[in-house]
Amino acid sequence: MSRHPGKMVVLRQTLKRGLAAVYRQFAGARKPGELVILNYHSIQPDETFSTSPKAFAQQLEFIAAHFRLLSLDEWLQQRGRETTDGRPAAMVSFDDGFENFYSYAYPILQQYKVPALVFVTTGFITGDCDVESRLGEYRQLRPMSWSQLRAIQTGGVMIGSHTHRHLHLGRATRAQIAEELSYSKQLLEDQLGAPIKSFAYPYGQPQHIGRETMWLLEECGYATACSAIMGVNSAQTNPYLLRRVRIDAWDTFADFQAKVEGGWDFIGHYQMLHYRF
């Protein structure tokens, strides 16, 4: 196992691999016109919870060779149309906005020309959010600065909101949700000088979202929102409930390949079992 995970992680990973092996016998391949959004948090060489730069480079090399590389905006403009390229599309997303994106992930993304979208928790930058209590294992990581965010934006990386204080929106009041959505959006737009159209739900499971949050996103001027629900996106996918494929530090390359090819999509079916939007 890569990155030396704990025993419980090893057990869960082994179970998921077994289920994925069965699921892949019945699941179809990714289809032309679909979009796979990879979901990362941290790229760093010396932390067990972070994907290593070496592994990240290998993963992007695979994506660049087997998928059409499209930004979220490009895919939304094209979805539903016939394409001469029979491959599905792919892009990369990062949550939270840690500084190691700028140091390690950004140069590799530029090397392979893979489109990326970074969802920023603005309170990390301003000091209004207690990183230690909100993100557990990620607490020792620093956020990107405004100047670093401007630099990656100039380099083609899209920026989105991940709220201001990384709240569990499923437990928040309507007023709190509206404030988190609107304040983080306005702060990013003021600092970056460009409209912010994309959002990612903190924690991202169905219980962290809710229909009212999706309505408020539209009212605040967001066009899309990403969840942490495992799976692929098609022309029929609700743009405020986009699915992603989470990549973990302990994934082997075989795990990564199986995930992006749809072998772990059964997790998304389980996640949605008791929730409807």
Protein backbone atom coordinates (compact mmCIF):
# COMPACT_ATOMS: atom_id res chain seq x y z
CA MET A 1 0.00 0.00 0.00
CA SER A 2 1.22 3.45 -0.83
CA ARG A 3 1.72 6.22 1.76
CA HIS A 4 1.61 3.75 4.75
CA PRO A 5 -2.05 4.05 5.80
CA GLY A 6 -3.38 2.76 9.12
CA LYS A 7 -4.84 -0.70 9.62
CA MET A 8 -8.47 0.41 9.36
CA VAL A 9 -7.74 2.23 6.10
CA VAL A 10 -6.07 -0.92 4.75
CA LEU A 11 -9.10 -3.02 5.71
CA ARG A 12 -11.58 -0.59 4.15
CA GLN A 13 -9.47 -0.29 1.01
CA THR A 14 -9.25 -4.07 0.67
CA LEU A 15 -13.02 -4.41 1.04
CA LYS A 16 -13.66 -1.71 -1.54
CA ARG A 17 -11.26 -3.33 -3.99
CA GLY A 18 -13.14 -6.61 -3.65
CA LEU A 19 -16.49 -4.93 -4.23
CA ALA A 20 -15.07 -2.98 -7.17
CA ALA A 21 -13.83 -6.19 -8.79
CA VAL A 22 -17.38 -7.56 -8.72
CA TYR A 23 -19.02 -4.28 -9.74
CA ARG A 24 -16.76 -3.86 -12.78
CA GLN A 25 -18.07 -7.10 -14.24
CA PHE A 26 -21.52 -5.54 -14.59
CA ALA A 27 -20.86 -1.81 -14.96
CA GLY A 28 -20.41 -0.35 -18.42
CA ALA A 29 -17.40 1.62 -19.57
CA ARG A 30 -17.27 5.40 -19.44
CA LYS A 31 -19.19 6.87 -22.39
CA PRO A 32 -18.29 9.64 -24.86
CA GLY A 33 -19.72 12.92 -23.61
CA GLU A 34 -19.42 12.01 -19.93
CA LEU A 35 -17.20 14.01 -17.58
CA VAL A 36 -15.00 12.58 -14.82
CA ILE A 37 -14.03 15.18 -12.20
CA LEU A 38 -11.15 13.94 -10.08
CA ASN A 39 -11.23 15.21 -6.50
CA TYR A 40 -8.04 15.87 -4.51
CA HIS A 41 -7.22 17.83 -1.38
CA SER A 42 -3.47 17.80 -0.83
CA ILE A 43 -0.36 17.07 -2.93
CA GLN A 44 2.78 16.84 -0.83
CA PRO A 45 5.77 14.48 -0.60
CA ASP A 46 6.04 14.08 3.16
CA GLU A 47 2.52 13.62 4.57
CA THR A 48 0.70 10.28 4.80
CA PHE A 49 -2.67 11.91 4.02
CA SER A 50 -1.38 13.65 0.87
CA THR A 51 -0.96 12.21 -2.61
CA SER A 52 2.72 12.38 -3.52
CA PRO A 53 3.83 14.56 -6.46
CA LYS A 54 5.26 11.45 -8.14
CA ALA A 55 1.94 9.60 -7.91
CA PHE A 56 0.04 12.71 -9.03
CA ALA A 57 2.22 13.04 -12.12
CA GLN A 58 1.64 9.37 -13.02
CA GLN A 59 -2.10 9.84 -12.60
CA LEU A 60 -2.21 12.94 -14.79
CA GLU A 61 -0.15 11.21 -17.46
CA PHE A 62 -2.81 8.48 -17.58
CA ILE A 63 -5.65 11.02 -17.74
CA ALA A 64 -3.98 12.97 -20.53
CA ALA A 65 -3.52 9.79 -22.57
CA HIS A 66 -7.01 8.30 -22.14
CA PHE A 67 -9.47 11.20 -21.74
CA ARG A 68 -10.39 14.41 -23.51
CA LEU A 69 -9.13 17.26 -21.34
CA LEU A 70 -11.91 19.80 -20.81
CA SER A 71 -12.58 22.51 -18.26
CA LEU A 72 -15.97 22.47 -16.55
CA ASP A 73 -17.12 25.44 -18.66
CA GLU A 74 -16.04 23.70 -21.87
CA TRP A 75 -17.85 20.51 -20.95
CA LEU A 76 -21.05 22.37 -20.04
CA GLN A 77 -21.00 24.13 -23.41
CA GLN A 78 -20.52 20.83 -25.26
CA ARG A 79 -22.63 18.40 -23.24
CA GLY A 80 -25.45 16.78 -25.12
CA ARG A 81 -23.73 17.32 -28.46
CA GLU A 82 -22.24 14.58 -30.58
CA THR A 83 -18.45 14.43 -30.61
CA THR A 84 -16.03 12.86 -33.05
CA ASP A 85 -13.75 11.95 -30.14
CA GLY A 86 -15.06 8.73 -28.61
CA ARG A 87 -13.38 9.28 -25.27
CA PRO A 88 -15.03 10.62 -22.11
CA ALA A 89 -13.77 13.94 -20.75
CA ALA A 90 -11.82 14.58 -17.54
CA MET A 91 -10.59 17.40 -15.36
CA VAL A 92 -9.14 17.82 -11.87
CA SER A 93 -10.57 19.59 -8.82
CA PHE A 94 -9.05 20.48 -5.46
CA ASP A 95 -10.92 21.39 -2.28
CA ASP A 96 -9.93 23.91 0.40
CA GLY A 97 -7.11 25.79 -1.37
CA PHE A 98 -3.98 24.59 0.41
CA GLU A 99 -0.63 26.20 -0.40
CA ASN A 100 0.83 22.90 -1.52
CA PHE A 101 -1.42 23.10 -4.60
CA TYR A 102 0.67 26.06 -5.72
CA SER A 103 3.98 24.42 -4.77
CA TYR A 104 3.45 20.86 -6.03
CA ALA A 105 0.22 20.32 -7.99
CA TYR A 106 0.18 23.42 -10.19
CA PRO A 107 3.51 22.77 -11.99
CA ILE A 108 2.46 19.17 -12.76
CA LEU A 109 -0.94 20.28 -14.03
CA GLN A 110 0.79 22.73 -16.36
CA GLN A 111 3.16 20.03 -17.57
CA TYR A 112 0.30 17.72 -18.63
CA LYS A 113 -2.09 20.56 -19.57
CA VAL A 114 -4.90 19.13 -17.43
CA PRO A 115 -7.70 21.63 -16.62
CA ALA A 116 -8.15 22.29 -12.91
CA LEU A 117 -10.71 23.90 -10.63
CA VAL A 118 -9.73 24.90 -7.08
CA PHE A 119 -12.50 25.41 -4.50
CA VAL A 120 -11.31 27.88 -1.87
CA THR A 121 -12.47 28.14 1.73
CA THR A 122 -11.97 31.89 2.00
CA GLY A 123 -11.94 31.95 5.80
CA PHE A 124 -8.68 29.98 5.78
CA ILE A 125 -7.01 32.88 4.00
CA THR A 126 -8.55 35.63 6.14
CA GLY A 127 -8.10 33.76 9.43
CA ASP A 128 -11.86 33.63 10.10
CA CYS A 129 -11.94 29.83 10.00
CA ASP A 130 -10.33 27.55 12.57
CA VAL A 131 -8.49 25.14 10.28
CA GLU A 132 -7.57 22.83 13.15
CA SER A 133 -11.16 22.14 14.19
CA ARG A 134 -12.62 22.05 10.68
CA LEU A 135 -10.27 19.79 8.76
CA GLY A 136 -8.64 17.43 11.23
CA GLU A 137 -5.68 15.78 9.54
CA TYR A 138 -5.18 18.72 7.16
CA ARG A 139 -4.83 21.24 9.99
CA GLN A 140 -1.06 21.67 9.65
CA LEU A 141 -1.33 22.80 6.03
CA ARG A 142 -1.34 26.47 5.10
CA PRO A 143 -3.79 28.06 2.66
CA MET A 144 -2.71 29.75 -0.55
CA SER A 145 -2.30 33.51 -0.40
CA TRP A 146 -4.33 35.90 -2.54
CA SER A 147 -1.27 36.52 -4.73
CA GLN A 148 -0.84 32.77 -5.31
CA LEU A 149 -4.51 32.43 -6.20
CA ARG A 150 -4.15 35.26 -8.70
CA ALA A 151 -1.09 33.57 -10.20
CA ILE A 152 -2.80 30.22 -10.77
CA GLN A 153 -5.88 31.99 -12.11
CA THR A 154 -3.68 33.78 -14.63
CA GLY A 155 -2.21 30.38 -15.51
CA GLY A 156 -5.64 29.02 -16.43
CA VAL A 157 -6.85 27.42 -13.19
CA MET A 158 -10.51 28.12 -12.44
CA ILE A 159 -11.37 29.26 -8.91
CA GLY A 160 -14.57 28.36 -7.09
CA SER A 161 -16.02 28.79 -3.60
CA HIS A 162 -15.95 26.21 -0.81
CA THR A 163 -17.84 28.54 1.61
CA HIS A 164 -16.14 30.94 4.01
CA ARG A 165 -15.96 28.81 7.18
CA HIS A 166 -16.26 25.24 5.82
CA LEU A 167 -19.63 24.70 7.52
CA HIS A 168 -21.75 21.55 7.52
CA LEU A 169 -24.52 23.14 5.45
CA GLY A 170 -26.97 20.36 6.30
CA ARG A 171 -27.02 21.63 9.89
CA ALA A 172 -26.96 25.35 9.10
CA THR A 173 -29.92 27.72 9.01
CA ARG A 174 -31.10 29.24 5.76
CA ALA A 175 -29.57 32.57 6.75
CA GLN A 176 -26.21 30.96 7.58
CA ILE A 177 -26.14 29.10 4.27
CA ALA A 178 -26.97 32.25 2.31
CA GLU A 179 -24.23 34.17 4.12
CA GLU A 180 -21.63 31.45 3.48
CA LEU A 181 -22.47 31.30 -0.22
CA SER A 182 -22.70 35.02 -0.89
CA TYR A 183 -19.83 36.25 1.31
CA SER A 184 -17.25 33.78 -0.01
CA LYS A 185 -18.29 34.50 -3.59
CA GLN A 186 -18.06 38.26 -3.15
CA LEU A 187 -14.70 38.05 -1.38
CA LEU A 188 -13.21 35.90 -4.15
CA GLU A 189 -14.58 38.19 -6.84
CA ASP A 190 -13.21 41.28 -5.09
CA GLN A 191 -9.76 39.74 -4.70
CA LEU A 192 -9.51 37.99 -8.08
CA GLY A 193 -11.41 40.39 -10.31
CA ALA A 194 -13.45 37.69 -12.06
CA PRO A 195 -16.90 36.15 -11.60
CA ILE A 196 -17.09 33.06 -9.39
CA LYS A 197 -19.53 30.57 -10.90
CA SER A 198 -18.63 27.25 -9.27
CA PHE A 199 -19.06 25.89 -5.76
CA ALA A 200 -18.16 22.72 -3.84
CA TYR A 201 -20.14 21.57 -0.79
CA PRO A 202 -18.02 21.16 2.36
CA TYR A 203 -17.81 17.43 3.18
CA GLY A 204 -19.95 16.87 0.10
CA GLN A 205 -22.12 13.91 1.12
CA PRO A 206 -25.90 14.03 0.46
CA GLN A 207 -26.64 14.90 4.09
CA HIS A 208 -24.36 17.95 3.78
CA ILE A 209 -26.23 19.43 0.81
CA GLY A 210 -30.03 19.67 0.78
CA ARG A 211 -32.41 21.06 -1.81
CA GLU A 212 -32.58 24.50 -0.19
CA THR A 213 -28.81 24.93 -0.53
CA MET A 214 -29.09 24.22 -4.26
CA TRP A 215 -31.83 26.83 -4.58
CA LEU A 216 -29.71 29.39 -2.73
CA LEU A 217 -26.71 28.65 -4.96
CA GLU A 218 -28.76 29.61 -7.99
CA GLU A 219 -30.05 32.74 -6.25
CA CYS A 220 -26.47 33.78 -5.41
CA GLY A 221 -25.38 33.46 -9.03
CA TYR A 222 -23.53 30.14 -9.04
CA ALA A 223 -23.92 28.01 -12.16
CA THR A 224 -22.52 24.69 -10.88
CA ALA A 225 -21.82 22.86 -7.64
CA CYS A 226 -19.69 19.78 -6.98
CA SER A 227 -20.46 17.13 -4.39
CA ALA A 228 -18.31 14.32 -2.98
CA ILE A 229 -20.72 11.72 -4.37
CA MET A 230 -18.69 9.18 -6.33
CA GLY A 231 -19.46 8.88 -10.02
CA VAL A 232 -19.48 10.38 -13.49
CA ASN A 233 -21.46 13.25 -15.02
CA SER A 234 -23.64 13.09 -18.12
CA ALA A 235 -25.84 15.50 -20.04
CA GLN A 236 -28.66 14.63 -17.61
CA THR A 237 -26.71 15.39 -14.43
CA ASN A 238 -28.04 18.22 -12.26
CA PRO A 239 -25.37 20.99 -12.55
CA TYR A 240 -25.82 21.68 -8.82
CA LEU A 241 -25.13 18.04 -7.93
CA LEU A 242 -22.06 17.17 -9.98
CA ARG A 243 -20.34 13.95 -8.98
CA ARG A 244 -16.62 13.50 -8.48
CA VAL A 245 -14.11 10.68 -8.15
CA ARG A 246 -12.14 11.07 -4.94
CA ILE A 247 -8.46 10.13 -5.14
CA ASP A 248 -6.81 9.24 -1.83
CA ALA A 249 -3.17 9.19 -0.75
CA TRP A 250 -3.23 5.42 -0.21
CA ASP A 251 -4.64 4.61 -3.65
CA THR A 252 -2.32 2.44 -5.69
CA PHE A 253 -2.10 3.18 -9.40
CA ALA A 254 -4.39 0.20 -10.00
CA ASP A 255 -6.91 1.75 -7.58
CA PHE A 256 -6.66 5.05 -9.41
CA GLN A 257 -7.22 3.45 -12.81
CA ALA A 258 -10.19 1.46 -11.54
CA LYS A 259 -11.72 4.59 -10.00
CA VAL A 260 -11.48 6.79 -13.09
CA GLU A 261 -12.76 3.98 -15.31
CA GLY A 262 -15.89 3.58 -13.15
CA GLY A 263 -15.04 0.54 -11.06
CA TRP A 264 -15.72 2.31 -7.77
CA ASP A 265 -18.95 4.06 -8.81
CA PHE A 266 -20.89 1.64 -6.60
CA ILE A 267 -19.88 3.91 -3.71
CA GLY A 268 -21.99 6.69 -5.23
CA HIS A 269 -25.02 4.40 -5.40
CA TYR A 270 -24.56 3.61 -1.71
CA GLN A 271 -24.13 7.29 -0.82
CA MET A 272 -27.45 8.15 -2.47
CA LEU A 273 -29.36 5.21 -0.98
CA HIS A 274 -31.28 7.18 1.65
CA TYR A 275 -31.26 10.66 0.14
CA ARG A 276 -33.28 12.23 -2.67
CA PHE A 277 -33.06 15.72 -4.14
